[in-house]
Amino acid sequence: MTRPAVAPSLRFWRFTVAQSGCLLWVGAVNGRGVPVFSVGQQEGKTKFMTAQRYAATLAGRELPEGSVVRTTCGNPLCVRAEHLVVEQRSAAKERS
């Protein structure tokens, strides 16, 4: 018997822990240390997105084509909506 699938929006919070005002991602990270979250299957392959990007969508933020989501608190593992900002990729590159 297979268990029913849990909606990504509910499963997401299992991988977070509150600490020092941030909501830290304790789930998977990619090779560059960026928090990633599995949002389902597409064409038989697991589809991932950054945990910050998914958190922004849960908070109702619009994510235009070419946008990036970054933290304002300086913690790369933070997914607290209040600590996230959406900006165009070109603006993010100028700052780095």
Protein backbone atom coordinates (compact mmCIF):
# COMPACT_ATOMS: atom_id res chain seq x y z
CA MET A 1 0.00 0.00 0.00
CA THR A 2 1.40 3.39 -0.96
CA ARG A 3 0.98 6.43 1.21
CA PRO A 4 -0.92 9.38 -0.23
CA ALA A 5 1.31 12.14 -1.54
CA VAL A 6 1.70 15.17 0.72
CA ALA A 7 1.21 18.51 -1.02
CA PRO A 8 4.51 20.37 -1.47
CA SER A 9 3.07 23.40 0.34
CA LEU A 10 2.61 21.25 3.48
CA ARG A 11 5.82 19.23 3.08
CA PHE A 12 7.95 22.39 2.76
CA TRP A 13 7.56 23.38 6.43
CA ARG A 14 8.96 20.04 7.64
CA PHE A 15 12.37 21.24 6.47
CA THR A 16 12.47 24.51 8.43
CA VAL A 17 13.46 25.51 11.95
CA ALA A 18 13.14 28.92 13.61
CA GLN A 19 16.41 30.35 14.87
CA SER A 20 17.61 33.89 15.69
CA GLY A 21 14.71 35.57 13.88
CA CYS A 22 15.25 33.52 10.72
CA LEU A 23 13.46 30.46 9.42
CA LEU A 24 16.32 28.19 8.46
CA TRP A 25 16.19 25.55 5.75
CA VAL A 26 17.38 22.18 7.06
CA GLY A 27 16.49 20.24 3.91
CA ALA A 28 18.59 19.57 0.83
CA VAL A 29 21.17 21.97 -0.56
CA ASN A 30 22.79 21.83 -3.98
CA GLY A 31 26.53 21.69 -4.71
CA ARG A 32 26.85 25.46 -4.19
CA GLY A 33 25.11 25.34 -0.80
CA VAL A 34 21.84 26.79 -2.12
CA PRO A 35 18.73 25.41 -0.37
CA VAL A 36 16.61 23.38 -2.81
CA PHE A 37 13.14 21.87 -2.59
CA SER A 38 11.51 19.14 -4.67
CA VAL A 39 8.22 20.47 -6.06
CA GLY A 40 7.15 17.38 -7.99
CA GLN A 41 7.74 15.46 -11.18
CA GLN A 42 8.00 16.78 -14.72
CA GLU A 43 8.52 14.43 -17.65
CA GLY A 44 9.51 11.65 -15.26
CA LYS A 45 12.20 13.70 -13.51
CA THR A 46 12.11 15.37 -10.12
CA LYS A 47 11.68 19.13 -10.44
CA PHE A 48 13.55 21.32 -7.94
CA MET A 49 13.50 25.03 -7.17
CA THR A 50 15.38 27.07 -4.61
CA ALA A 51 13.75 26.95 -1.20
CA GLN A 52 13.71 30.77 -1.09
CA ARG A 53 11.88 30.91 -4.42
CA TYR A 54 9.31 28.39 -3.20
CA ALA A 55 8.87 30.29 0.09
CA ALA A 56 8.26 33.49 -1.89
CA THR A 57 5.54 31.77 -3.93
CA LEU A 58 3.91 30.48 -0.72
CA ALA A 59 3.88 34.09 0.52
CA GLY A 60 2.01 35.14 -2.62
CA ARG A 61 4.90 37.00 -4.25
CA GLU A 62 4.97 37.39 -8.01
CA LEU A 63 8.08 35.91 -9.60
CA PRO A 64 8.51 37.43 -13.06
CA GLU A 65 10.56 35.69 -15.73
CA GLY A 66 14.26 36.26 -15.06
CA SER A 67 13.77 37.16 -11.39
CA VAL A 68 15.81 35.87 -8.46
CA VAL A 69 14.95 35.64 -4.78
CA ARG A 70 17.58 36.60 -2.24
CA THR A 71 17.71 37.02 1.52
CA THR A 72 18.00 40.41 3.19
CA CYS A 73 19.21 38.98 6.51
CA GLY A 74 22.47 37.65 5.07
CA ASN A 75 21.74 34.04 6.01
CA PRO A 76 21.80 31.94 2.82
CA LEU A 77 19.64 29.25 4.46
CA CYS A 78 16.85 31.61 5.54
CA VAL A 79 13.41 31.11 3.97
CA ARG A 80 11.39 33.53 6.17
CA ALA A 81 9.16 35.47 3.76
CA GLU A 82 9.87 38.76 5.53
CA HIS A 83 13.59 38.26 4.85
CA LEU A 84 13.18 37.60 1.12
CA VAL A 85 13.24 40.06 -1.75
CA VAL A 86 12.46 39.39 -5.42
CA GLU A 87 14.56 41.25 -7.98
CA GLN A 88 15.62 41.00 -11.59
CA ARG A 89 18.69 38.89 -12.27
CA SER A 90 20.56 41.91 -13.73
CA ALA A 91 20.18 43.85 -10.44
CA ALA A 92 21.44 40.85 -8.47
CA LYS A 93 24.53 40.56 -10.69
CA GLU A 94 25.33 44.28 -10.26
CA ARG A 95 25.37 43.88 -6.47
CA SER A 96 27.69 40.85 -6.47
